[in-house]
Every structure is written in structure tokens, then in C-alpha cells.
Amino acid sequence: MVKFFTNNILYRYGTPRKIISDKGTAFKNARVDEFTRRYNIEWRYSYVYNPRANGLAEAFNKTLIKILRKTVGNNRKDWHNKLPEALWAYRIMHRTPTQATPYSLVYGTEAVSPIEVELPSFRVAMASEVPLTKQIQLRLQEFDGMDERRLAAQQNLELYQARMTRAYEKLSIPRAFRRGELVLVLRRPITGRHHGPKFAPNWEGTFRIDQVYDGGAYLLATENGEHPLPILNGRCLKKYYSQNQLPEYTKPRRHPDEDFIANWAEAHEGMTQLFSRQ
């Protein structure tokens, strides 16, 4: 892991200030700790089973998996051989959030796909007729406009994220807990304990909220004050109600349409019986 990061990230793009990853053993070991201390890199670990803590990577993986599903076919064991093709498709694909392709934002122009060379497209045919000096001049003009295109893509991305945030907040109900409250924890694989019976409850506990962190993360403690679980996101918890705290059940009111349908069904049944007797 350290060798890959040094050769492919450090020597290509420079030393980053911060890195976010999950808590896998490849990212959390003595060699990684020594590497971060040497280059003064802040390595942050996302919370357990909270993919949104590393949202960019999760969103990219979701898109990449969709592309791989369409290319690997029935034999999915050779997915690693199709990975370069899937990455190429992603790089030349028009992205809705930025209104541009990733390739054009890096190189300032659209990529020429192999199919455009085999079956010459209009763009390739026109480029072959342009003199070399004119092509160089046009390429320099494209480089001059790269900053403007990248700024426009950044603005489009921020507007898209704002729309997605508003749509999500309309449907989501955040879970907030206070210190000292009793909660239940979603069972495996989050808890990492021994597998129980097939029909075992999905929640276990109770635990007490011991610490509240930013971003909806919580540290839980047992009745003895121990901390057997890592820091968890609030989506993995739900409030525990004792026998005296159970909310009182109120029968929901019937919709007026339900009364109309019920009365109509009774009338229809009565008319059917009346005509059947005649």
C-alpha cells in the first residue's frame, strides 16, 4: 500500500495534506503510520459502515460497478481485465453534475475514441484537413480556456450538489441522540460478534450514549462503562424505550375515501342480493 501510494500519488501529484480511507488493515498499520509521520500527512479514517464519510469514492465506485456489470457478461471472474475499459468509458462520459467529461477537464479537449479512427467521424475528418500550424494554434486556444471551463464545471457541480441536498433533506429524518440516552445497535457485521441463530433479532443492546461527535457519530458504553464497539454513525442506532417509556398507541383516523368505498361496497352487495332473489 505504501509503495503504491508513493509511486502513483506522491511522485505524480505531490504530497497531500489529508487522506480519507476506511479502517481496513491495508490502511491502518505500522508502515502507514510511519509513512504519514514522515511526510506530515493527516490520515483520517471513516466511521464504521458509514460510506457517506467518504462520499466521493463511494459515488465513483457505484458508477464504476454499473459500467462493469455491462461489460463483464456472465463470467464475472475476469472483471479486473475489463477495468481499464470501464475507466476509459467513465473518463469520456458526459457527467451531469459538471456538464463535462472528466477527460476534457484534465486535457482541455474531448478524447478521440478508437471507433472514431476506424470509422472516421466528422471531427476526425475535419482535423485531418487542417494544417499543422493551425492545429497548434487551436490547441493553444483550448489550453487558454481550460481555467474558465473548470470554473464553470465547479459551479455546475455546486449547484447540482445543492439540489441533491435539498431533495435528500425533504425525505430524510435525521437521528439525533443525547449523551446518557439508551440505544440499540444494529447487529452484524457492524458489531463483529459471534453469529447467532438465523432468526436472531436485528438489534442488540442496550447501550448508553457516552460521547457525541460531529457528523452524527457516537461512542457507546455498557452499564459497566466499557466501550466494546467502535465509534458508530447514528444510522446504526435506534432509541431504546423501557416499559414505562413506550409511546401510547393511537388508532389512525380513516380517510374519507375509505368510508365512501366501504358504504359503496355494502350498497353494491345489497343490490346484488336483491336482484338475485328476483
C-alpha atoms as a PDB file:
ATOM      1  CA  MET A   1       0.000   0.000   0.000  1.00  0.00           C
ATOM      2  CA  VAL A   2       2.747   2.469   0.939  1.00  0.00           C
ATOM      3  CA  LYS A   3       4.722   1.622  -2.215  1.00  0.00           C
ATOM      4  CA  PHE A   4       1.672   2.068  -4.446  1.00  0.00           C
ATOM      5  CA  PHE A   5       0.770   5.370  -2.823  1.00  0.00           C
ATOM      6  CA  THR A   6       4.331   6.670  -3.105  1.00  0.00           C
ATOM      7  CA  ASN A   7       4.762   5.777  -6.789  1.00  0.00           C
ATOM      8  CA  ASN A   8       1.275   6.631  -8.063  1.00  0.00           C
ATOM      9  CA  ILE A   9       0.202   9.546  -5.870  1.00  0.00           C
ATOM     10  CA  LEU A  10       3.170  11.167  -4.175  1.00  0.00           C
ATOM     11  CA  TYR A  11       5.521  11.220  -7.182  1.00  0.00           C
ATOM     12  CA  ARG A  12       2.754  12.226  -9.603  1.00  0.00           C
ATOM     13  CA  TYR A  13       0.667  14.805  -7.767  1.00  0.00           C
ATOM     14  CA  GLY A  14       2.788  15.816  -4.787  1.00  0.00           C
ATOM     15  CA  THR A  15       2.287  15.399  -1.058  1.00  0.00           C
ATOM     16  CA  PRO A  16      -1.364  15.697   0.038  1.00  0.00           C
ATOM     17  CA  ARG A  17      -2.373  17.366   3.284  1.00  0.00           C
ATOM     18  CA  LYS A  18      -5.108  14.882   4.154  1.00  0.00           C
ATOM     19  CA  ILE A  19      -6.210  11.360   3.143  1.00  0.00           C
ATOM     20  CA  ILE A  20      -9.558   9.707   3.939  1.00  0.00           C
ATOM     21  CA  SER A  21      -9.990   5.926   3.881  1.00  0.00           C
ATOM     22  CA  ASP A  22     -11.816   3.146   5.670  1.00  0.00           C
ATOM     23  CA  LYS A  23     -10.351   1.180   8.570  1.00  0.00           C
ATOM     24  CA  GLY A  24      -9.060  -1.744   6.547  1.00  0.00           C
ATOM     25  CA  THR A  25      -5.830  -3.406   7.607  1.00  0.00           C
ATOM     26  CA  ALA A  26      -4.154  -2.168   4.419  1.00  0.00           C
ATOM     27  CA  PHE A  27      -4.651   1.431   5.576  1.00  0.00           C
ATOM     28  CA  LYS A  28      -4.228   1.028   9.320  1.00  0.00           C
ATOM     29  CA  ASN A  29      -0.851  -0.471  10.197  1.00  0.00           C
ATOM     30  CA  ALA A  30       2.627   0.475  11.379  1.00  0.00           C
ATOM     31  CA  ARG A  31       4.004   1.156   7.883  1.00  0.00           C
ATOM     32  CA  VAL A  32       1.213   3.584   7.093  1.00  0.00           C
ATOM     33  CA  ASP A  33       1.744   5.353  10.429  1.00  0.00           C
ATOM     34  CA  GLU A  34       5.449   5.728   9.691  1.00  0.00           C
ATOM     35  CA  PHE A  35       4.659   6.992   6.180  1.00  0.00           C
ATOM     36  CA  THR A  36       2.237   9.666   7.437  1.00  0.00           C
ATOM     37  CA  ARG A  37       4.674  10.868  10.105  1.00  0.00           C
ATOM     38  CA  ARG A  38       7.498  11.117   7.594  1.00  0.00           C
ATOM     39  CA  TYR A  39       5.568  13.301   5.136  1.00  0.00           C
ATOM     40  CA  ASN A  40       3.355  15.045   7.719  1.00  0.00           C
ATOM     41  CA  ILE A  41       0.126  13.703   6.186  1.00  0.00           C
ATOM     42  CA  GLU A  42      -3.127  13.659   8.151  1.00  0.00           C
ATOM     43  CA  TRP A  43      -4.737  10.244   7.562  1.00  0.00           C
ATOM     44  CA  ARG A  44      -8.391  10.169   8.584  1.00  0.00           C
ATOM     45  CA  TYR A  45     -10.494   7.033   8.887  1.00  0.00           C
ATOM     46  CA  SER A  46     -14.200   6.983   8.120  1.00  0.00           C
ATOM     47  CA  TYR A  47     -16.648   5.661  10.696  1.00  0.00           C
ATOM     48  CA  VAL A  48     -17.655   2.010  10.595  1.00  0.00           C
ATOM     49  CA  TYR A  49     -20.339   1.259   7.983  1.00  0.00           C
ATOM     50  CA  ASN A  50     -20.854   4.899   7.071  1.00  0.00           C
ATOM     51  CA  PRO A  51     -19.950   5.173   3.368  1.00  0.00           C
ATOM     52  CA  ARG A  52     -21.039   8.813   3.247  1.00  0.00           C
ATOM     53  CA  ALA A  53     -17.935   9.714   5.246  1.00  0.00           C
ATOM     54  CA  ASN A  54     -16.012   9.049   2.021  1.00  0.00           C
ATOM     55  CA  GLY A  55     -18.735  10.092  -0.370  1.00  0.00           C
ATOM     56  CA  LEU A  56     -16.657  10.868  -3.468  1.00  0.00           C
ATOM     57  CA  ALA A  57     -15.069   7.426  -3.513  1.00  0.00           C
ATOM     58  CA  GLU A  58     -18.402   5.683  -2.876  1.00  0.00           C
ATOM     59  CA  ALA A  59     -20.142   7.631  -5.650  1.00  0.00           C
ATOM     60  CA  PHE A  60     -17.356   6.790  -8.096  1.00  0.00           C
ATOM     61  CA  ASN A  61     -17.382   3.105  -7.111  1.00  0.00           C
ATOM     62  CA  LYS A  62     -21.145   2.947  -7.647  1.00  0.00           C
ATOM     63  CA  THR A  63     -20.794   4.314 -11.183  1.00  0.00           C
ATOM     64  CA  LEU A  64     -17.829   2.063 -11.944  1.00  0.00           C
ATOM     65  CA  ILE A  65     -19.707  -1.048 -10.797  1.00  0.00           C
ATOM     66  CA  LYS A  66     -22.627  -0.186 -13.099  1.00  0.00           C
ATOM     67  CA  ILE A  67     -20.238   0.012 -16.046  1.00  0.00           C
ATOM     68  CA  LEU A  68     -18.522  -3.262 -15.126  1.00  0.00           C
ATOM     69  CA  ARG A  69     -21.862  -5.084 -14.896  1.00  0.00           C
ATOM     70  CA  LYS A  70     -22.497  -4.253 -18.549  1.00  0.00           C
ATOM     71  CA  THR A  71     -19.059  -5.326 -19.751  1.00  0.00           C
ATOM     72  CA  VAL A  72     -18.164  -8.492 -17.833  1.00  0.00           C
ATOM     73  CA  GLY A  73     -21.143 -10.545 -19.005  1.00  0.00           C
ATOM     74  CA  ASN A  74     -21.932 -13.850 -17.317  1.00  0.00           C
ATOM     75  CA  ASN A  75     -18.337 -14.625 -16.344  1.00  0.00           C
ATOM     76  CA  ARG A  76     -17.578 -12.071 -13.655  1.00  0.00           C
ATOM     77  CA  LYS A  77     -14.266 -13.566 -12.592  1.00  0.00           C
ATOM     78  CA  ASP A  78     -12.350 -11.543 -15.186  1.00  0.00           C
ATOM     79  CA  TRP A  79     -13.690  -8.180 -14.063  1.00  0.00           C
ATOM     80  CA  HIS A  80     -10.142  -6.939 -13.420  1.00  0.00           C
ATOM     81  CA  ASN A  81      -9.362  -7.394 -17.135  1.00  0.00           C
ATOM     82  CA  LYS A  82     -12.308  -5.149 -18.014  1.00  0.00           C
ATOM     83  CA  LEU A  83     -11.327  -2.470 -15.511  1.00  0.00           C
ATOM     84  CA  PRO A  84      -9.211  -0.352 -17.938  1.00  0.00           C
ATOM     85  CA  GLU A  85     -12.095  -0.300 -20.435  1.00  0.00           C
ATOM     86  CA  ALA A  86     -14.559   0.691 -17.715  1.00  0.00           C
ATOM     87  CA  LEU A  87     -12.280   3.502 -16.529  1.00  0.00           C
ATOM     88  CA  TRP A  88     -11.879   4.717 -20.113  1.00  0.00           C
ATOM     89  CA  ALA A  89     -15.658   4.784 -20.538  1.00  0.00           C
ATOM     90  CA  TYR A  90     -16.010   6.782 -17.321  1.00  0.00           C
ATOM     91  CA  ARG A  91     -13.376   9.331 -18.367  1.00  0.00           C
ATOM     92  CA  ILE A  92     -15.032  10.111 -21.707  1.00  0.00           C
ATOM     93  CA  MET A  93     -18.588  10.007 -20.332  1.00  0.00           C
ATOM     94  CA  HIS A  94     -20.520  13.262 -20.022  1.00  0.00           C
ATOM     95  CA  ARG A  95     -21.189  13.844 -16.316  1.00  0.00           C
ATOM     96  CA  THR A  96     -24.422  15.547 -15.281  1.00  0.00           C
ATOM     97  CA  PRO A  97     -23.010  17.250 -12.136  1.00  0.00           C
ATOM     98  CA  THR A  98     -20.209  19.026 -14.041  1.00  0.00           C
ATOM     99  CA  GLN A  99     -21.816  19.172 -17.509  1.00  0.00           C
ATOM    100  CA  ALA A 100     -18.492  17.962 -18.924  1.00  0.00           C
ATOM    101  CA  THR A 101     -16.353  14.859 -19.306  1.00  0.00           C
ATOM    102  CA  PRO A 102     -13.508  14.163 -16.847  1.00  0.00           C
ATOM    103  CA  TYR A 103     -11.119  13.843 -19.798  1.00  0.00           C
ATOM    104  CA  SER A 104     -11.911  17.331 -21.104  1.00  0.00           C
ATOM    105  CA  LEU A 105     -11.437  18.901 -17.670  1.00  0.00           C
ATOM    106  CA  VAL A 106      -7.918  17.431 -17.468  1.00  0.00           C
ATOM    107  CA  TYR A 107      -6.663  17.850 -21.043  1.00  0.00           C
ATOM    108  CA  GLY A 108      -8.855  20.672 -22.347  1.00  0.00           C
ATOM    109  CA  THR A 109     -10.326  18.732 -25.257  1.00  0.00           C
ATOM    110  CA  GLU A 110     -12.522  15.734 -25.872  1.00  0.00           C
ATOM    111  CA  ALA A 111     -10.851  12.358 -26.344  1.00  0.00           C
ATOM    112  CA  VAL A 112     -10.750  10.639 -29.714  1.00  0.00           C
ATOM    113  CA  SER A 113     -12.233   7.190 -29.228  1.00  0.00           C
ATOM    114  CA  PRO A 114     -10.917   4.199 -31.220  1.00  0.00           C
ATOM    115  CA  ILE A 115     -14.204   3.866 -33.081  1.00  0.00           C
ATOM    116  CA  GLU A 116     -13.754   7.398 -34.452  1.00  0.00           C
ATOM    117  CA  VAL A 117     -10.475   6.302 -36.033  1.00  0.00           C
ATOM    118  CA  GLU A 118     -11.836   3.067 -37.508  1.00  0.00           C
ATOM    119  CA  LEU A 119     -14.941   4.830 -38.835  1.00  0.00           C
ATOM    120  CA  PRO A 120     -13.757   8.440 -39.220  1.00  0.00           C
ATOM    121  CA  SER A 121     -16.163  10.874 -37.624  1.00  0.00           C
ATOM    122  CA  PHE A 122     -16.775  14.411 -38.824  1.00  0.00           C
ATOM    123  CA  ARG A 123     -14.414  15.784 -36.187  1.00  0.00           C
ATOM    124  CA  VAL A 124     -11.560  13.471 -37.200  1.00  0.00           C
ATOM    125  CA  ALA A 125     -12.141  14.112 -40.906  1.00  0.00           C
ATOM    126  CA  MET A 126     -12.064  17.884 -40.423  1.00  0.00           C
ATOM    127  CA  ALA A 127      -8.950  17.726 -38.221  1.00  0.00           C
ATOM    128  CA  SER A 128      -7.048  15.804 -40.890  1.00  0.00           C
ATOM    129  CA  GLU A 129      -7.596  18.653 -43.376  1.00  0.00           C
ATOM    130  CA  VAL A 130      -6.406  21.418 -41.034  1.00  0.00           C
ATOM    131  CA  PRO A 131      -2.727  22.400 -41.407  1.00  0.00           C
ATOM    132  CA  LEU A 132      -0.397  21.553 -38.545  1.00  0.00           C
ATOM    133  CA  THR A 133       0.271  25.201 -37.656  1.00  0.00           C
ATOM    134  CA  LYS A 134      -3.469  25.840 -37.424  1.00  0.00           C
ATOM    135  CA  GLN A 135      -3.935  22.763 -35.228  1.00  0.00           C
ATOM    136  CA  ILE A 136      -1.249  24.019 -32.837  1.00  0.00           C
ATOM    137  CA  GLN A 137      -2.918  27.429 -32.675  1.00  0.00           C
ATOM    138  CA  LEU A 138      -6.322  25.901 -31.937  1.00  0.00           C
ATOM    139  CA  ARG A 139      -4.799  23.665 -29.273  1.00  0.00           C
ATOM    140  CA  LEU A 140      -3.211  26.658 -27.547  1.00  0.00           C
ATOM    141  CA  GLN A 141      -6.583  28.413 -27.561  1.00  0.00           C
ATOM    142  CA  GLU A 142      -8.118  25.382 -25.880  1.00  0.00           C
ATOM    143  CA  PHE A 143      -5.432  25.493 -23.184  1.00  0.00           C
ATOM    144  CA  ASP A 144      -6.162  29.185 -22.580  1.00  0.00           C
ATOM    145  CA  GLY A 145      -9.830  28.409 -21.924  1.00  0.00           C
ATOM    146  CA  MET A 146      -9.250  25.473 -19.571  1.00  0.00           C
ATOM    147  CA  ASP A 147      -9.480  27.575 -16.398  1.00  0.00           C
ATOM    148  CA  GLU A 148     -12.839  29.003 -17.459  1.00  0.00           C
ATOM    149  CA  ARG A 149     -14.229  25.562 -18.283  1.00  0.00           C
ATOM    150  CA  ARG A 150     -13.027  24.153 -14.980  1.00  0.00           C
ATOM    151  CA  LEU A 151     -14.584  27.061 -13.091  1.00  0.00           C
ATOM    152  CA  ALA A 152     -17.884  26.522 -14.928  1.00  0.00           C
ATOM    153  CA  ALA A 153     -17.728  22.799 -14.100  1.00  0.00           C
ATOM    154  CA  GLN A 154     -17.117  23.612 -10.427  1.00  0.00           C
ATOM    155  CA  GLN A 155     -20.119  25.955 -10.381  1.00  0.00           C
ATOM    156  CA  ASN A 156     -22.318  23.331 -12.056  1.00  0.00           C
ATOM    157  CA  LEU A 157     -21.148  20.762  -9.516  1.00  0.00           C
ATOM    158  CA  GLU A 158     -22.001  23.016  -6.559  1.00  0.00           C
ATOM    159  CA  LEU A 159     -25.470  23.752  -7.964  1.00  0.00           C
ATOM    160  CA  TYR A 160     -26.082  20.036  -8.550  1.00  0.00           C
ATOM    161  CA  GLN A 161     -24.970  19.156  -5.018  1.00  0.00           C
ATOM    162  CA  ALA A 162     -27.258  21.848  -3.592  1.00  0.00           C
ATOM    163  CA  ARG A 163     -30.238  20.380  -5.492  1.00  0.00           C
ATOM    164  CA  MET A 164     -29.419  16.870  -4.323  1.00  0.00           C
ATOM    165  CA  THR A 165     -29.043  18.084  -0.733  1.00  0.00           C
ATOM    166  CA  ARG A 166     -32.441  19.785  -0.767  1.00  0.00           C
ATOM    167  CA  ALA A 167     -34.101  16.695  -2.245  1.00  0.00           C
ATOM    168  CA  TYR A 168     -32.455  14.434   0.332  1.00  0.00           C
ATOM    169  CA  GLU A 169     -33.352  16.638   3.291  1.00  0.00           C
ATOM    170  CA  LYS A 170     -37.021  16.594   2.279  1.00  0.00           C
ATOM    171  CA  LEU A 171     -37.159  12.803   2.588  1.00  0.00           C
ATOM    172  CA  SER A 172     -34.641  12.029   5.331  1.00  0.00           C
ATOM    173  CA  ILE A 173     -35.360  12.124   9.049  1.00  0.00           C
ATOM    174  CA  PRO A 174     -32.057  12.562  10.918  1.00  0.00           C
ATOM    175  CA  ARG A 175     -31.475  10.547  14.072  1.00  0.00           C
ATOM    176  CA  ALA A 176     -30.086  12.597  16.927  1.00  0.00           C
ATOM    177  CA  PHE A 177     -29.246  11.219  20.355  1.00  0.00           C
ATOM    178  CA  ARG A 178     -28.114  12.920  23.532  1.00  0.00           C
ATOM    179  CA  ARG A 179     -25.495  11.801  25.984  1.00  0.00           C
ATOM    180  CA  GLY A 180     -26.887   9.337  28.518  1.00  0.00           C
ATOM    181  CA  GLU A 181     -29.723   8.031  26.323  1.00  0.00           C
ATOM    182  CA  LEU A 182     -30.213   4.290  25.902  1.00  0.00           C
ATOM    183  CA  VAL A 183     -29.973   2.901  22.376  1.00  0.00           C
ATOM    184  CA  LEU A 184     -29.934  -0.374  20.474  1.00  0.00           C
ATOM    185  CA  VAL A 185     -27.222  -1.236  17.940  1.00  0.00           C
ATOM    186  CA  LEU A 186     -27.718  -2.888  14.572  1.00  0.00           C
ATOM    187  CA  ARG A 187     -26.285  -6.395  14.709  1.00  0.00           C
ATOM    188  CA  ARG A 188     -23.616  -7.854  12.448  1.00  0.00           C
ATOM    189  CA  PRO A 189     -21.498  -7.226  10.658  1.00  0.00           C
ATOM    190  CA  ILE A 190     -21.127  -3.917  12.461  1.00  0.00           C
ATOM    191  CA  THR A 191     -20.703  -5.387  15.929  1.00  0.00           C
ATOM    192  CA  GLY A 192     -18.339  -8.099  14.661  1.00  0.00           C
ATOM    193  CA  ARG A 193     -19.512 -10.600  17.249  1.00  0.00           C
ATOM    194  CA  HIS A 194     -20.261 -14.301  17.011  1.00  0.00           C
ATOM    195  CA  HIS A 195     -23.032 -15.142  14.555  1.00  0.00           C
ATOM    196  CA  GLY A 196     -26.263 -16.053  16.278  1.00  0.00           C
ATOM    197  CA  PRO A 197     -29.238 -18.053  15.055  1.00  0.00           C
ATOM    198  CA  LYS A 198     -30.751 -17.287  11.676  1.00  0.00           C
ATOM    199  CA  PHE A 199     -33.816 -15.620  13.183  1.00  0.00           C
ATOM    200  CA  ALA A 200     -31.939 -13.706  15.880  1.00  0.00           C
ATOM    201  CA  PRO A 201     -33.038 -10.083  16.448  1.00  0.00           C
ATOM    202  CA  ASN A 202     -31.517  -7.478  14.165  1.00  0.00           C
ATOM    203  CA  TRP A 203     -30.782  -5.165  17.095  1.00  0.00           C
ATOM    204  CA  GLU A 204     -28.859  -5.790  20.285  1.00  0.00           C
ATOM    205  CA  GLY A 205     -28.191  -3.843  23.457  1.00  0.00           C
ATOM    206  CA  THR A 206     -28.847  -1.846  25.421  1.00  0.00           C
ATOM    207  CA  PHE A 207     -26.004   0.667  25.310  1.00  0.00           C
ATOM    208  CA  ARG A 208     -25.661   4.171  26.675  1.00  0.00           C
ATOM    209  CA  ILE A 209     -24.521   7.183  24.646  1.00  0.00           C
ATOM    210  CA  ASP A 210     -21.178   8.113  26.199  1.00  0.00           C
ATOM    211  CA  GLN A 211     -19.783  10.652  23.732  1.00  0.00           C
ATOM    212  CA  VAL A 212     -21.396  12.693  20.935  1.00  0.00           C
ATOM    213  CA  TYR A 213     -19.226  13.709  17.961  1.00  0.00           C
ATOM    214  CA  ASP A 214     -19.766  15.957  14.969  1.00  0.00           C
ATOM    215  CA  GLY A 215     -21.394  14.457  11.907  1.00  0.00           C
ATOM    216  CA  GLY A 216     -23.796  12.217  13.837  1.00  0.00           C
ATOM    217  CA  ALA A 217     -21.195   9.842  15.315  1.00  0.00           C
ATOM    218  CA  TYR A 218     -21.472   8.330  18.786  1.00  0.00           C
ATOM    219  CA  LEU A 219     -19.352   6.363  21.238  1.00  0.00           C
ATOM    220  CA  LEU A 220     -21.347   3.775  23.178  1.00  0.00           C
ATOM    221  CA  ALA A 221     -20.748   2.338  26.625  1.00  0.00           C
ATOM    222  CA  THR A 222     -22.165  -0.615  28.530  1.00  0.00           C
ATOM    223  CA  GLU A 223     -23.633  -0.484  32.018  1.00  0.00           C
ATOM    224  CA  ASN A 224     -20.128  -1.157  33.384  1.00  0.00           C
ATOM    225  CA  GLY A 225     -18.651   1.802  31.499  1.00  0.00           C
ATOM    226  CA  GLU A 226     -16.803  -0.330  28.930  1.00  0.00           C
ATOM    227  CA  HIS A 227     -16.562   0.568  25.230  1.00  0.00           C
ATOM    228  CA  PRO A 228     -16.817  -2.732  23.302  1.00  0.00           C
ATOM    229  CA  LEU A 229     -17.761  -1.117  19.972  1.00  0.00           C
ATOM    230  CA  PRO A 230     -16.001   1.420  17.753  1.00  0.00           C
ATOM    231  CA  ILE A 231     -17.453   4.847  17.058  1.00  0.00           C
ATOM    232  CA  LEU A 232     -20.687   4.336  15.097  1.00  0.00           C
ATOM    233  CA  ASN A 233     -22.860   6.552  12.960  1.00  0.00           C
ATOM    234  CA  GLY A 234     -26.363   7.363  14.169  1.00  0.00           C
ATOM    235  CA  ARG A 235     -27.870   5.419  11.262  1.00  0.00           C
ATOM    236  CA  CYS A 236     -26.757   2.223  13.010  1.00  0.00           C
ATOM    237  CA  LEU A 237     -28.603   3.118  16.226  1.00  0.00           C
ATOM    238  CA  LYS A 238     -32.181   3.453  17.381  1.00  0.00           C
ATOM    239  CA  LYS A 239     -33.636   4.674  20.623  1.00  0.00           C
ATOM    240  CA  TYR A 240     -34.443   2.134  23.324  1.00  0.00           C
ATOM    241  CA  TYR A 241     -37.750   2.512  25.161  1.00  0.00           C
ATOM    242  CA  SER A 242     -38.313   0.917  28.535  1.00  0.00           C
ATOM    243  CA  GLN A 243     -41.722  -0.446  29.519  1.00  0.00           C
ATOM    244  CA  ASN A 244     -42.713   2.909  31.022  1.00  0.00           C
ATOM    245  CA  GLN A 245     -41.481   4.911  28.027  1.00  0.00           C
ATOM    246  CA  LEU A 246     -43.395   3.140  25.262  1.00  0.00           C
ATOM    247  CA  PRO A 247     -45.352   5.692  23.236  1.00  0.00           C
ATOM    248  CA  GLU A 248     -49.122   5.412  23.565  1.00  0.00           C
ATOM    249  CA  TYR A 249     -50.759   3.894  20.513  1.00  0.00           C
ATOM    250  CA  THR A 250     -53.449   5.962  18.853  1.00  0.00           C
ATOM    251  CA  LYS A 251     -55.654   4.441  16.212  1.00  0.00           C
ATOM    252  CA  PRO A 252     -55.193   6.311  12.929  1.00  0.00           C
ATOM    253  CA  ARG A 253     -58.208   8.153  11.553  1.00  0.00           C
ATOM    254  CA  ARG A 254     -59.851   6.699   8.494  1.00  0.00           C
ATOM    255  CA  HIS A 255     -59.618   8.616   5.275  1.00  0.00           C
ATOM    256  CA  PRO A 256     -62.998   9.900   3.929  1.00  0.00           C
ATOM    257  CA  ASP A 257     -62.452   7.900   0.756  1.00  0.00           C
ATOM    258  CA  GLU A 258     -62.267   4.686   2.810  1.00  0.00           C
ATOM    259  CA  ASP A 259     -65.725   5.386   4.295  1.00  0.00           C
ATOM    260  CA  PHE A 260     -67.108   6.067   0.818  1.00  0.00           C
ATOM    261  CA  ILE A 261     -65.653   2.839  -0.575  1.00  0.00           C
ATOM    262  CA  ALA A 262     -66.969   0.816   2.378  1.00  0.00           C
ATOM    263  CA  ASN A 263     -70.502   2.266   2.001  1.00  0.00           C
ATOM    264  CA  TRP A 264     -70.423   1.721  -1.751  1.00  0.00           C
ATOM    265  CA  ALA A 265     -69.361  -1.918  -1.276  1.00  0.00           C
ATOM    266  CA  GLU A 266     -72.229  -2.547   1.179  1.00  0.00           C
ATOM    267  CA  ALA A 267     -74.747  -0.948  -1.182  1.00  0.00           C
ATOM    268  CA  HIS A 268     -73.415  -2.927  -4.136  1.00  0.00           C
ATOM    269  CA  GLU A 269     -73.656  -6.180  -2.185  1.00  0.00           C
ATOM    270  CA  GLY A 270     -77.244  -5.376  -1.142  1.00  0.00           C
ATOM    271  CA  MET A 271     -78.303  -4.616  -4.721  1.00  0.00           C
ATOM    272  CA  THR A 272     -76.683  -7.834  -5.934  1.00  0.00           C
ATOM    273  CA  GLN A 273     -78.611  -9.915  -3.392  1.00  0.00           C
ATOM    274  CA  LEU A 274     -81.863  -8.112  -4.274  1.00  0.00           C
ATOM    275  CA  PHE A 275     -81.585  -8.800  -8.000  1.00  0.00           C
ATOM    276  CA  SER A 276     -80.502 -12.398  -7.407  1.00  0.00           C
ATOM    277  CA  ARG A 277     -83.721 -13.052  -5.463  1.00  0.00           C
ATOM    278  CA  GLN A 278     -85.850 -11.655  -8.282  1.00  0.00           C
END
